[in-house]
């Protein structure tokens, strides 16, 4: 399955548009609240724990979009958009959307 943020896949014409697919991952993320509270303590540094949590959520959302595209007969998803949101004070949401297509 090809997953891309571009609207086309070079060298592979789109033969059918299957519809919009969405994948979401919502993770308990007290670390997000803690992150914003301790931003001044992380001056210039990177937080491996937060990056890992974001990566896990993104990977789960991408796997979900691929599963949903496959279920409707697509072999690629184009125009993918990734969004990140903090919900309330303890949840992190990653939402991935795109157009499921069939390509040659």
PDB file of N, CA and C in Angstrom:
ATOM      1  N   UNK A   1       0.863  -1.182   0.000  1.00  0.00           N
ATOM      2  CA  UNK A   1       0.000   0.000   0.000  1.00  0.00           C
ATOM      3  C   UNK A   1       0.898   1.230   0.000  1.00  0.00           C
ATOM      4  N   UNK A   2       0.647   2.124  -0.950  1.00  0.00           N
ATOM      5  CA  UNK A   2       1.378   3.391  -0.995  1.00  0.00           C
ATOM      6  C   UNK A   2       0.561   4.431  -0.233  1.00  0.00           C
ATOM      7  N   UNK A   3       1.194   5.079   0.714  1.00  0.00           N
ATOM      8  CA  UNK A   3       0.579   6.147   1.496  1.00  0.00           C
ATOM      9  C   UNK A   3       1.408   7.401   1.255  1.00  0.00           C
ATOM     10  N   UNK A   4       0.760   8.470   0.767  1.00  0.00           N
ATOM     11  CA  UNK A   4       1.523   9.669   0.425  1.00  0.00           C
ATOM     12  C   UNK A   4       0.729  10.949   0.700  1.00  0.00           C
ATOM     13  N   UNK A   5       1.463  11.994   0.996  1.00  0.00           N
ATOM     14  CA  UNK A   5       0.831  13.299   1.194  1.00  0.00           C
ATOM     15  C   UNK A   5       0.576  14.003  -0.128  1.00  0.00           C
ATOM     16  N   UNK A   6       1.170  13.506  -1.195  1.00  0.00           N
ATOM     17  CA  UNK A   6       0.964  14.119  -2.512  1.00  0.00           C
ATOM     18  C   UNK A   6      -0.384  13.690  -3.086  1.00  0.00           C
ATOM     19  N   UNK A   7      -0.860  14.417  -4.086  1.00  0.00           N
ATOM     20  CA  UNK A   7      -2.168  14.112  -4.682  1.00  0.00           C
ATOM     21  C   UNK A   7      -2.109  13.047  -5.765  1.00  0.00           C
ATOM     22  N   UNK A   8      -0.911  12.681  -6.166  1.00  0.00           N
ATOM     23  CA  UNK A   8      -0.715  11.640  -7.176  1.00  0.00           C
ATOM     24  C   UNK A   8       0.484  10.800  -6.780  1.00  0.00           C
ATOM     25  N   UNK A   9       0.634   9.669  -7.453  1.00  0.00           N
ATOM     26  CA  UNK A   9       1.820   8.835  -7.283  1.00  0.00           C
ATOM     27  C   UNK A   9       2.497   8.813  -8.647  1.00  0.00           C
ATOM     28  N   UNK A  10       3.645   9.458  -8.728  1.00  0.00           N
ATOM     29  CA  UNK A  10       4.329   9.594 -10.011  1.00  0.00           C
ATOM     30  C   UNK A  10       4.527   8.231 -10.671  1.00  0.00           C
ATOM     31  N   UNK A  11       4.142   8.168 -11.945  1.00  0.00           N
ATOM     32  CA  UNK A  11       4.296   6.947 -12.719  1.00  0.00           C
ATOM     33  C   UNK A  11       3.190   5.920 -12.504  1.00  0.00           C
ATOM     34  N   UNK A  12       2.207   6.251 -11.678  1.00  0.00           N
ATOM     35  CA  UNK A  12       1.107   5.333 -11.390  1.00  0.00           C
ATOM     36  C   UNK A  12      -0.215   6.080 -11.507  1.00  0.00           C
ATOM     37  N   UNK A  13      -0.867   6.011 -12.679  1.00  0.00           N
ATOM     38  CA  UNK A  13      -2.133   6.722 -12.829  1.00  0.00           C
ATOM     39  C   UNK A  13      -3.211   6.186 -11.890  1.00  0.00           C
ATOM     40  N   UNK A  14      -4.033   7.097 -11.403  1.00  0.00           N
ATOM     41  CA  UNK A  14      -5.170   6.712 -10.560  1.00  0.00           C
ATOM     42  C   UNK A  14      -6.282   6.214 -11.472  1.00  0.00           C
ATOM     43  N   UNK A  15      -6.762   5.018 -11.192  1.00  0.00           N
ATOM     44  CA  UNK A  15      -7.816   4.433 -12.029  1.00  0.00           C
ATOM     45  C   UNK A  15      -9.187   4.496 -11.362  1.00  0.00           C
ATOM     46  N   UNK A  16      -9.221   4.663 -10.036  1.00  0.00           N
ATOM     47  CA  UNK A  16     -10.505   4.756  -9.342  1.00  0.00           C
ATOM     48  C   UNK A  16     -10.312   5.467  -8.004  1.00  0.00           C
ATOM     49  N   UNK A  17     -11.286   6.283  -7.682  1.00  0.00           N
ATOM     50  CA  UNK A  17     -11.326   6.945  -6.371  1.00  0.00           C
ATOM     51  C   UNK A  17     -12.317   6.175  -5.514  1.00  0.00           C
ATOM     52  N   UNK A  18     -11.864   5.672  -4.386  1.00  0.00           N
ATOM     53  CA  UNK A  18     -12.693   4.827  -3.528  1.00  0.00           C
ATOM     54  C   UNK A  18     -13.377   5.604  -2.409  1.00  0.00           C
ATOM     55  N   UNK A  19     -12.847   6.761  -2.056  1.00  0.00           N
ATOM     56  CA  UNK A  19     -13.457   7.564  -1.001  1.00  0.00           C
ATOM     57  C   UNK A  19     -12.439   8.023   0.028  1.00  0.00           C
ATOM     58  N   UNK A  20     -12.916   8.837   0.918  1.00  0.00           N
ATOM     59  CA  UNK A  20     -12.067   9.374   1.979  1.00  0.00           C
ATOM     60  C   UNK A  20     -11.962   8.339   3.094  1.00  0.00           C
ATOM     61  N   UNK A  21     -10.749   8.167   3.585  1.00  0.00           N
ATOM     62  CA  UNK A  21     -10.524   7.277   4.720  1.00  0.00           C
ATOM     63  C   UNK A  21      -9.860   8.070   5.836  1.00  0.00           C
ATOM     64  N   UNK A  22     -10.174   7.672   7.054  1.00  0.00           N
ATOM     65  CA  UNK A  22      -9.655   8.375   8.231  1.00  0.00           C
ATOM     66  C   UNK A  22      -9.167   7.353   9.239  1.00  0.00           C
ATOM     67  N   UNK A  23      -8.059   7.666   9.867  1.00  0.00           N
ATOM     68  CA  UNK A  23      -7.551   6.860  10.975  1.00  0.00           C
ATOM     69  C   UNK A  23      -7.306   7.777  12.155  1.00  0.00           C
ATOM     70  N   UNK A  24      -7.716   7.344  13.331  1.00  0.00           N
ATOM     71  CA  UNK A  24      -7.500   8.149  14.531  1.00  0.00           C
ATOM     72  C   UNK A  24      -6.872   7.287  15.607  1.00  0.00           C
ATOM     73  N   UNK A  25      -6.063   7.923  16.393  1.00  0.00           N
ATOM     74  CA  UNK A  25      -5.507   7.272  17.577  1.00  0.00           C
ATOM     75  C   UNK A  25      -5.593   8.276  18.709  1.00  0.00           C
ATOM     76  N   UNK A  26      -6.236   7.861  19.776  1.00  0.00           N
ATOM     77  CA  UNK A  26      -6.334   8.715  20.960  1.00  0.00           C
ATOM     78  C   UNK A  26      -5.621   7.989  22.083  1.00  0.00           C
ATOM     79  N   UNK A  27      -4.638   8.645  22.629  1.00  0.00           N
ATOM     80  CA  UNK A  27      -3.809   8.038  23.663  1.00  0.00           C
ATOM     81  C   UNK A  27      -3.930   8.832  24.952  1.00  0.00           C
ATOM     82  N   UNK A  28      -3.975   8.110  26.060  1.00  0.00           N
ATOM     83  CA  UNK A  28      -3.865   8.776  27.344  1.00  0.00           C
ATOM     84  C   UNK A  28      -2.502   9.448  27.371  1.00  0.00           C
ATOM     85  N   UNK A  29      -2.502  10.709  27.674  1.00  0.00           N
ATOM     86  CA  UNK A  29      -1.243  11.441  27.550  1.00  0.00           C
ATOM     87  C   UNK A  29      -1.071  12.454  28.662  1.00  0.00           C
ATOM     88  N   UNK A  30      -0.983  11.971  29.876  1.00  0.00           N
ATOM     89  CA  UNK A  30      -0.661  12.888  30.960  1.00  0.00           C
ATOM     90  C   UNK A  30       0.665  13.569  30.686  1.00  0.00           C
ATOM     91  N   UNK A  31       1.492  12.897  29.887  1.00  0.00           N
ATOM     92  CA  UNK A  31       2.783  13.491  29.548  1.00  0.00           C
ATOM     93  C   UNK A  31       2.607  14.778  28.758  1.00  0.00           C
ATOM     94  N   UNK A  32       1.503  14.900  28.009  1.00  0.00           N
ATOM     95  CA  UNK A  32       1.274  16.134  27.262  1.00  0.00           C
ATOM     96  C   UNK A  32       1.050  17.288  28.230  1.00  0.00           C
ATOM     97  N   UNK A  33       0.200  17.070  29.223  1.00  0.00           N
ATOM     98  CA  UNK A  33      -0.035  18.108  30.216  1.00  0.00           C
ATOM     99  C   UNK A  33       1.268  18.449  30.932  1.00  0.00           C
ATOM    100  N   UNK A  34       2.000  17.419  31.319  1.00  0.00           N
ATOM    101  CA  UNK A  34       3.272  17.634  32.006  1.00  0.00           C
ATOM    102  C   UNK A  34       4.262  18.366  31.118  1.00  0.00           C
ATOM    103  N   UNK A  35       4.193  18.057  29.833  1.00  0.00           N
ATOM    104  CA  UNK A  35       5.099  18.710  28.883  1.00  0.00           C
ATOM    105  C   UNK A  35       4.862  20.214  28.861  1.00  0.00           C
ATOM    106  N   UNK A  36       3.589  20.618  28.730  1.00  0.00           N
ATOM    107  CA  UNK A  36       3.292  22.047  28.676  1.00  0.00           C
ATOM    108  C   UNK A  36       3.626  22.735  30.001  1.00  0.00           C
ATOM    109  N   UNK A  37       3.480  22.014  31.098  1.00  0.00           N
ATOM    110  CA  UNK A  37       3.790  22.589  32.403  1.00  0.00           C
ATOM    111  C   UNK A  37       5.285  22.734  32.609  1.00  0.00           C
ATOM    112  N   UNK A  38       6.070  21.901  31.925  1.00  0.00           N
ATOM    113  CA  UNK A  38       7.517  21.936  32.152  1.00  0.00           C
ATOM    114  C   UNK A  38       8.307  22.391  30.942  1.00  0.00           C
ATOM    115  N   UNK A  39       7.646  23.112  30.044  1.00  0.00           N
ATOM    116  CA  UNK A  39       8.317  23.572  28.830  1.00  0.00           C
ATOM    117  C   UNK A  39       9.587  24.358  29.161  1.00  0.00           C
ATOM    118  N   UNK A  40       9.550  25.127  30.199  1.00  0.00           N
ATOM    119  CA  UNK A  40      10.728  25.923  30.539  1.00  0.00           C
ATOM    120  C   UNK A  40      11.878  25.059  31.016  1.00  0.00           C
ATOM    121  N   UNK A  41      11.593  23.827  31.452  1.00  0.00           N
ATOM    122  CA  UNK A  41      12.649  22.922  31.896  1.00  0.00           C
ATOM    123  C   UNK A  41      13.313  22.197  30.731  1.00  0.00           C
ATOM    124  N   UNK A  42      12.735  22.274  29.552  1.00  0.00           N
ATOM    125  CA  UNK A  42      13.240  21.531  28.405  1.00  0.00           C
ATOM    126  C   UNK A  42      13.849  22.491  27.381  1.00  0.00           C
ATOM    127  N   UNK A  43      14.369  23.575  27.840  1.00  0.00           N
ATOM    128  CA  UNK A  43      14.900  24.607  26.940  1.00  0.00           C
ATOM    129  C   UNK A  43      15.956  24.008  26.027  1.00  0.00           C
ATOM    130  N   UNK A  44      15.670  24.086  24.758  1.00  0.00           N
ATOM    131  CA  UNK A  44      16.626  23.643  23.750  1.00  0.00           C
ATOM    132  C   UNK A  44      16.784  22.140  23.621  1.00  0.00           C
ATOM    133  N   UNK A  45      16.158  21.360  24.481  1.00  0.00           N
ATOM    134  CA  UNK A  45      16.318  19.915  24.429  1.00  0.00           C
ATOM    135  C   UNK A  45      15.139  19.234  23.774  1.00  0.00           C
ATOM    136  N   UNK A  46      15.279  17.951  23.548  1.00  0.00           N
ATOM    137  CA  UNK A  46      14.199  17.139  22.995  1.00  0.00           C
ATOM    138  C   UNK A  46      13.781  16.129  24.039  1.00  0.00           C
ATOM    139  N   UNK A  47      12.510  15.798  24.020  1.00  0.00           N
ATOM    140  CA  UNK A  47      11.998  14.821  24.974  1.00  0.00           C
ATOM    141  C   UNK A  47      11.692  13.517  24.253  1.00  0.00           C
ATOM    142  N   UNK A  48      12.511  12.532  24.487  1.00  0.00           N
ATOM    143  CA  UNK A  48      12.325  11.230  23.861  1.00  0.00           C
ATOM    144  C   UNK A  48      11.001  10.590  24.220  1.00  0.00           C
ATOM    145  N   UNK A  49      10.549  10.769  25.462  1.00  0.00           N
ATOM    146  CA  UNK A  49       9.282  10.165  25.892  1.00  0.00           C
ATOM    147  C   UNK A  49       8.109  10.740  25.108  1.00  0.00           C
ATOM    148  N   UNK A  50       8.100  12.044  24.910  1.00  0.00           N
ATOM    149  CA  UNK A  50       7.010  12.684  24.178  1.00  0.00           C
ATOM    150  C   UNK A  50       7.066  12.316  22.704  1.00  0.00           C
ATOM    151  N   UNK A  51       8.259  12.277  22.146  1.00  0.00           N
ATOM    152  CA  UNK A  51       8.401  11.906  20.738  1.00  0.00           C
ATOM    153  C   UNK A  51       7.942  10.468  20.511  1.00  0.00           C
ATOM    154  N   UNK A  52       8.250   9.591  21.445  1.00  0.00           N
ATOM    155  CA  UNK A  52       7.826   8.198  21.327  1.00  0.00           C
ATOM    156  C   UNK A  52       6.302   8.091  21.382  1.00  0.00           C
ATOM    157  N   UNK A  53       5.670   8.834  22.281  1.00  0.00           N
ATOM    158  CA  UNK A  53       4.208   8.810  22.396  1.00  0.00           C
ATOM    159  C   UNK A  53       3.562   9.312  21.104  1.00  0.00           C
ATOM    160  N   UNK A  54       4.107  10.397  20.536  1.00  0.00           N
ATOM    161  CA  UNK A  54       3.584  10.919  19.272  1.00  0.00           C
ATOM    162  C   UNK A  54       3.768   9.915  18.145  1.00  0.00           C
ATOM    163  N   UNK A  55       4.947   9.283  18.084  1.00  0.00           N
ATOM    164  CA  UNK A  55       5.219   8.304  17.038  1.00  0.00           C
ATOM    165  C   UNK A  55       4.267   7.116  17.153  1.00  0.00           C
ATOM    166  N   UNK A  56       4.046   6.632  18.370  1.00  0.00           N
ATOM    167  CA  UNK A  56       3.129   5.501  18.568  1.00  0.00           C
ATOM    168  C   UNK A  56       1.724   5.842  18.082  1.00  0.00           C
ATOM    169  N   UNK A  57       1.241   7.027  18.425  1.00  0.00           N
ATOM    170  CA  UNK A  57      -0.100   7.453  18.004  1.00  0.00           C
ATOM    171  C   UNK A  57      -0.163   7.606  16.488  1.00  0.00           C
ATOM    172  N   UNK A  58       0.862   8.209  15.899  1.00  0.00           N
ATOM    173  CA  UNK A  58       0.891   8.389  14.443  1.00  0.00           C
ATOM    174  C   UNK A  58       0.926   7.041  13.735  1.00  0.00           C
ATOM    175  N   UNK A  59       1.759   6.120  14.215  1.00  0.00           N
ATOM    176  CA  UNK A  59       1.845   4.788  13.600  1.00  0.00           C
ATOM    177  C   UNK A  59       0.507   4.059  13.675  1.00  0.00           C
ATOM    178  N   UNK A  60      -0.177   4.171  14.797  1.00  0.00           N
ATOM    179  CA  UNK A  60      -1.483   3.516  14.955  1.00  0.00           C
ATOM    180  C   UNK A  60      -2.511   4.116  13.998  1.00  0.00           C
ATOM    181  N   UNK A  61      -2.533   5.436  13.865  1.00  0.00           N
ATOM    182  CA  UNK A  61      -3.476   6.095  12.963  1.00  0.00           C
ATOM    183  C   UNK A  61      -3.173   5.738  11.501  1.00  0.00           C
ATOM    184  N   UNK A  62      -1.897   5.673  11.147  1.00  0.00           N
ATOM    185  CA  UNK A  62      -1.522   5.311   9.775  1.00  0.00           C
ATOM    186  C   UNK A  62      -1.909   3.857   9.474  1.00  0.00           C
ATOM    187  N   UNK A  63      -1.716   2.966  10.426  1.00  0.00           N
ATOM    188  CA  UNK A  63      -2.106   1.567  10.233  1.00  0.00           C
ATOM    189  C   UNK A  63      -3.617   1.458  10.044  1.00  0.00           C
ATOM    190  N   UNK A  64      -4.356   2.267  10.778  1.00  0.00           N
ATOM    191  CA  UNK A  64      -5.815   2.249  10.665  1.00  0.00           C
ATOM    192  C   UNK A  64      -6.274   2.746   9.296  1.00  0.00           C
ATOM    193  N   UNK A  65      -5.654   3.808   8.795  1.00  0.00           N
ATOM    194  CA  UNK A  65      -6.044   4.335   7.476  1.00  0.00           C
ATOM    195  C   UNK A  65      -5.730   3.303   6.392  1.00  0.00           C
ATOM    196  N   UNK A  66      -4.609   2.610   6.531  1.00  0.00           N
ATOM    197  CA  UNK A  66      -4.243   1.578   5.555  1.00  0.00           C
ATOM    198  C   UNK A  66      -5.240   0.423   5.599  1.00  0.00           C
ATOM    199  N   UNK A  67      -5.626   0.017   6.781  1.00  0.00           N
ATOM    200  CA  UNK A  67      -6.605  -1.065   6.943  1.00  0.00           C
ATOM    201  C   UNK A  67      -7.950  -0.684   6.321  1.00  0.00           C
ATOM    202  N   UNK A  68      -8.391   0.532   6.556  1.00  0.00           N
ATOM    203  CA  UNK A  68      -9.678   0.979   6.010  1.00  0.00           C
ATOM    204  C   UNK A  68      -9.623   1.109   4.490  1.00  0.00           C
ATOM    205  N   UNK A  69      -8.507   1.565   3.958  1.00  0.00           N
ATOM    206  CA  UNK A  69      -8.360   1.675   2.501  1.00  0.00           C
ATOM    207  C   UNK A  69      -8.374   0.290   1.860  1.00  0.00           C
ATOM    208  N   UNK A  70      -7.684  -0.646   2.456  1.00  0.00           N
ATOM    209  CA  UNK A  70      -7.655  -2.013   1.945  1.00  0.00           C
ATOM    210  C   UNK A  70      -9.058  -2.614   1.952  1.00  0.00           C
ATOM    211  N   UNK A  71      -9.821  -2.344   3.002  1.00  0.00           N
ATOM    212  CA  UNK A  71     -11.174  -2.894   3.133  1.00  0.00           C
ATOM    213  C   UNK A  71     -12.113  -2.427   2.030  1.00  0.00           C
ATOM    214  N   UNK A  72     -11.838  -1.265   1.427  1.00  0.00           N
ATOM    215  CA  UNK A  72     -12.714  -0.784   0.347  1.00  0.00           C
ATOM    216  C   UNK A  72     -12.077  -0.961  -1.035  1.00  0.00           C
ATOM    217  N   UNK A  73     -11.012  -1.769  -1.091  1.00  0.00           N
ATOM    218  CA  UNK A  73     -10.432  -2.139  -2.377  1.00  0.00           C
ATOM    219  C   UNK A  73      -9.384  -1.199  -2.932  1.00  0.00           C
ATOM    220  N   UNK A  74      -8.845  -0.327  -2.122  1.00  0.00           N
ATOM    221  CA  UNK A  74      -7.810   0.603  -2.585  1.00  0.00           C
ATOM    222  C   UNK A  74      -6.427  -0.028  -2.440  1.00  0.00           C
ATOM    223  N   UNK A  75      -5.494   0.452  -3.252  1.00  0.00           N
ATOM    224  CA  UNK A  75      -4.111   0.017  -3.085  1.00  0.00           C
ATOM    225  C   UNK A  75      -3.172   1.199  -2.837  1.00  0.00           C
ATOM    226  N   UNK A  76      -3.760   2.381  -2.585  1.00  0.00           N
ATOM    227  CA  UNK A  76      -2.973   3.566  -2.233  1.00  0.00           C
ATOM    228  C   UNK A  76      -3.887   4.574  -1.549  1.00  0.00           C
ATOM    229  N   UNK A  77      -3.280   5.463  -0.783  1.00  0.00           N
ATOM    230  CA  UNK A  77      -3.999   6.596  -0.199  1.00  0.00           C
ATOM    231  C   UNK A  77      -3.188   7.838  -0.520  1.00  0.00           C
ATOM    232  N   UNK A  78      -3.838   8.798  -1.181  1.00  0.00           N
ATOM    233  CA  UNK A  78      -3.152  10.035  -1.583  1.00  0.00           C
ATOM    234  C   UNK A  78      -3.721  11.217  -0.801  1.00  0.00           C
ATOM    235  N   UNK A  79      -2.968  12.310  -0.810  1.00  0.00           N
ATOM    236  CA  UNK A  79      -3.429  13.531  -0.169  1.00  0.00           C
ATOM    237  C   UNK A  79      -3.540  13.408   1.340  1.00  0.00           C
ATOM    238  N   UNK A  80      -2.679  12.615   1.943  1.00  0.00           N
ATOM    239  CA  UNK A  80      -2.773  12.381   3.391  1.00  0.00           C
ATOM    240  C   UNK A  80      -2.459  13.657   4.164  1.00  0.00           C
ATOM    241  N   UNK A  81      -3.286  13.905   5.179  1.00  0.00           N
ATOM    242  CA  UNK A  81      -3.100  15.033   6.089  1.00  0.00           C
ATOM    243  C   UNK A  81      -3.043  14.477   7.503  1.00  0.00           C
ATOM    244  N   UNK A  82      -2.059  14.915   8.266  1.00  0.00           N
ATOM    245  CA  UNK A  82      -1.923  14.489   9.663  1.00  0.00           C
ATOM    246  C   UNK A  82      -2.221  15.670  10.565  1.00  0.00           C
ATOM    247  N   UNK A  83      -3.050  15.428  11.571  1.00  0.00           N
ATOM    248  CA  UNK A  83      -3.389  16.470  12.543  1.00  0.00           C
ATOM    249  C   UNK A  83      -3.134  15.940  13.947  1.00  0.00           C
ATOM    250  N   UNK A  84      -2.647  16.824  14.787  1.00  0.00           N
ATOM    251  CA  UNK A  84      -2.366  16.492  16.186  1.00  0.00           C
ATOM    252  C   UNK A  84      -3.168  17.428  17.069  1.00  0.00           C
ATOM    253  N   UNK A  85      -3.820  16.883  18.088  1.00  0.00           N
ATOM    254  CA  UNK A  85      -4.628  17.687  19.009  1.00  0.00           C
ATOM    255  C   UNK A  85      -4.441  17.175  20.430  1.00  0.00           C
ATOM    256  N   UNK A  86      -4.513  18.078  21.371  1.00  0.00           N
ATOM    257  CA  UNK A  86      -4.591  17.707  22.776  1.00  0.00           C
ATOM    258  C   UNK A  86      -6.047  17.870  23.175  1.00  0.00           C
ATOM    259  N   UNK A  87      -6.627  16.808  23.723  1.00  0.00           N
ATOM    260  CA  UNK A  87      -8.030  16.819  24.124  1.00  0.00           C
ATOM    261  C   UNK A  87      -8.074  16.889  25.649  1.00  0.00           C
ATOM    262  N   UNK A  88      -8.770  17.902  26.141  1.00  0.00           N
ATOM    263  CA  UNK A  88      -8.822  18.081  27.582  1.00  0.00           C
ATOM    264  C   UNK A  88      -7.427  18.323  28.117  1.00  0.00           C
ATOM    265  N   UNK A  89      -7.121  17.683  29.236  1.00  0.00           N
ATOM    266  CA  UNK A  89      -5.789  17.874  29.791  1.00  0.00           C
ATOM    267  C   UNK A  89      -5.014  16.573  29.894  1.00  0.00           C
ATOM    268  N   UNK A  90      -5.557  15.503  29.273  1.00  0.00           N
ATOM    269  CA  UNK A  90      -4.844  14.240  29.450  1.00  0.00           C
ATOM    270  C   UNK A  90      -4.881  13.313  28.241  1.00  0.00           C
ATOM    271  N   UNK A  91      -5.363  13.797  27.102  1.00  0.00           N
ATOM    272  CA  UNK A  91      -5.450  12.924  25.939  1.00  0.00           C
ATOM    273  C   UNK A  91      -4.780  13.565  24.727  1.00  0.00           C
ATOM    274  N   UNK A  92      -4.123  12.734  23.945  1.00  0.00           N
ATOM    275  CA  UNK A  92      -3.485  13.163  22.716  1.00  0.00           C
ATOM    276  C   UNK A  92      -4.173  12.450  21.567  1.00  0.00           C
ATOM    277  N   UNK A  93      -4.586  13.209  20.536  1.00  0.00           N
ATOM    278  CA  UNK A  93      -5.235  12.605  19.385  1.00  0.00           C
ATOM    279  C   UNK A  93      -4.425  12.900  18.132  1.00  0.00           C
ATOM    280  N   UNK A  94      -4.198  11.848  17.358  1.00  0.00           N
ATOM    281  CA  UNK A  94      -3.609  11.990  16.041  1.00  0.00           C
ATOM    282  C   UNK A  94      -4.662  11.533  15.051  1.00  0.00           C
ATOM    283  N   UNK A  95      -4.969  12.384  14.092  1.00  0.00           N
ATOM    284  CA  UNK A  95      -5.960  12.066  13.062  1.00  0.00           C
ATOM    285  C   UNK A  95      -5.274  12.120  11.706  1.00  0.00           C
ATOM    286  N   UNK A  96      -5.494  11.084  10.907  1.00  0.00           N
ATOM    287  CA  UNK A  96      -4.906  10.986   9.575  1.00  0.00           C
ATOM    288  C   UNK A  96      -6.054  10.798   8.593  1.00  0.00           C
ATOM    289  N   UNK A  97      -6.090  11.605   7.536  1.00  0.00           N
ATOM    290  CA  UNK A  97      -7.133  11.445   6.524  1.00  0.00           C
ATOM    291  C   UNK A  97      -6.518  11.535   5.144  1.00  0.00           C
ATOM    292  N   UNK A  98      -7.166  10.898   4.190  1.00  0.00           N
ATOM    293  CA  UNK A  98      -6.693  10.929   2.815  1.00  0.00           C
ATOM    294  C   UNK A  98      -7.726  10.303   1.899  1.00  0.00           C
ATOM    295  N   UNK A  99      -7.416  10.263   0.619  1.00  0.00           N
ATOM    296  CA  UNK A  99      -8.309   9.685  -0.380  1.00  0.00           C
ATOM    297  C   UNK A  99      -7.790   8.309  -0.790  1.00  0.00           C
ATOM    298  N   UNK A 100      -8.612   7.307  -0.570  1.00  0.00           N
ATOM    299  CA  UNK A 100      -8.268   5.948  -0.983  1.00  0.00           C
ATOM    300  C   UNK A 100      -8.477   5.834  -2.484  1.00  0.00           C
ATOM    301  N   UNK A 101      -7.479   5.297  -3.183  1.00  0.00           N
ATOM    302  CA  UNK A 101      -7.535   5.189  -4.631  1.00  0.00           C
ATOM    303  C   UNK A 101      -6.982   3.839  -5.082  1.00  0.00           C
ATOM    304  N   UNK A 102      -7.286   3.523  -6.339  1.00  0.00           N
ATOM    305  CA  UNK A 102      -6.652   2.394  -6.999  1.00  0.00           C
ATOM    306  C   UNK A 102      -5.711   2.966  -8.041  1.00  0.00           C
ATOM    307  N   UNK A 103      -4.483   2.487  -8.032  1.00  0.00           N
ATOM    308  CA  UNK A 103      -3.484   2.934  -9.008  1.00  0.00           C
ATOM    309  C   UNK A 103      -2.959   1.714  -9.770  1.00  0.00           C
ATOM    310  N   UNK A 104      -2.360   2.000 -10.914  1.00  0.00           N
ATOM    311  CA  UNK A 104      -1.748   0.917 -11.710  1.00  0.00           C
ATOM    312  C   UNK A 104      -0.306   0.798 -11.302  1.00  0.00           C
TER     313      UNK A 104
END
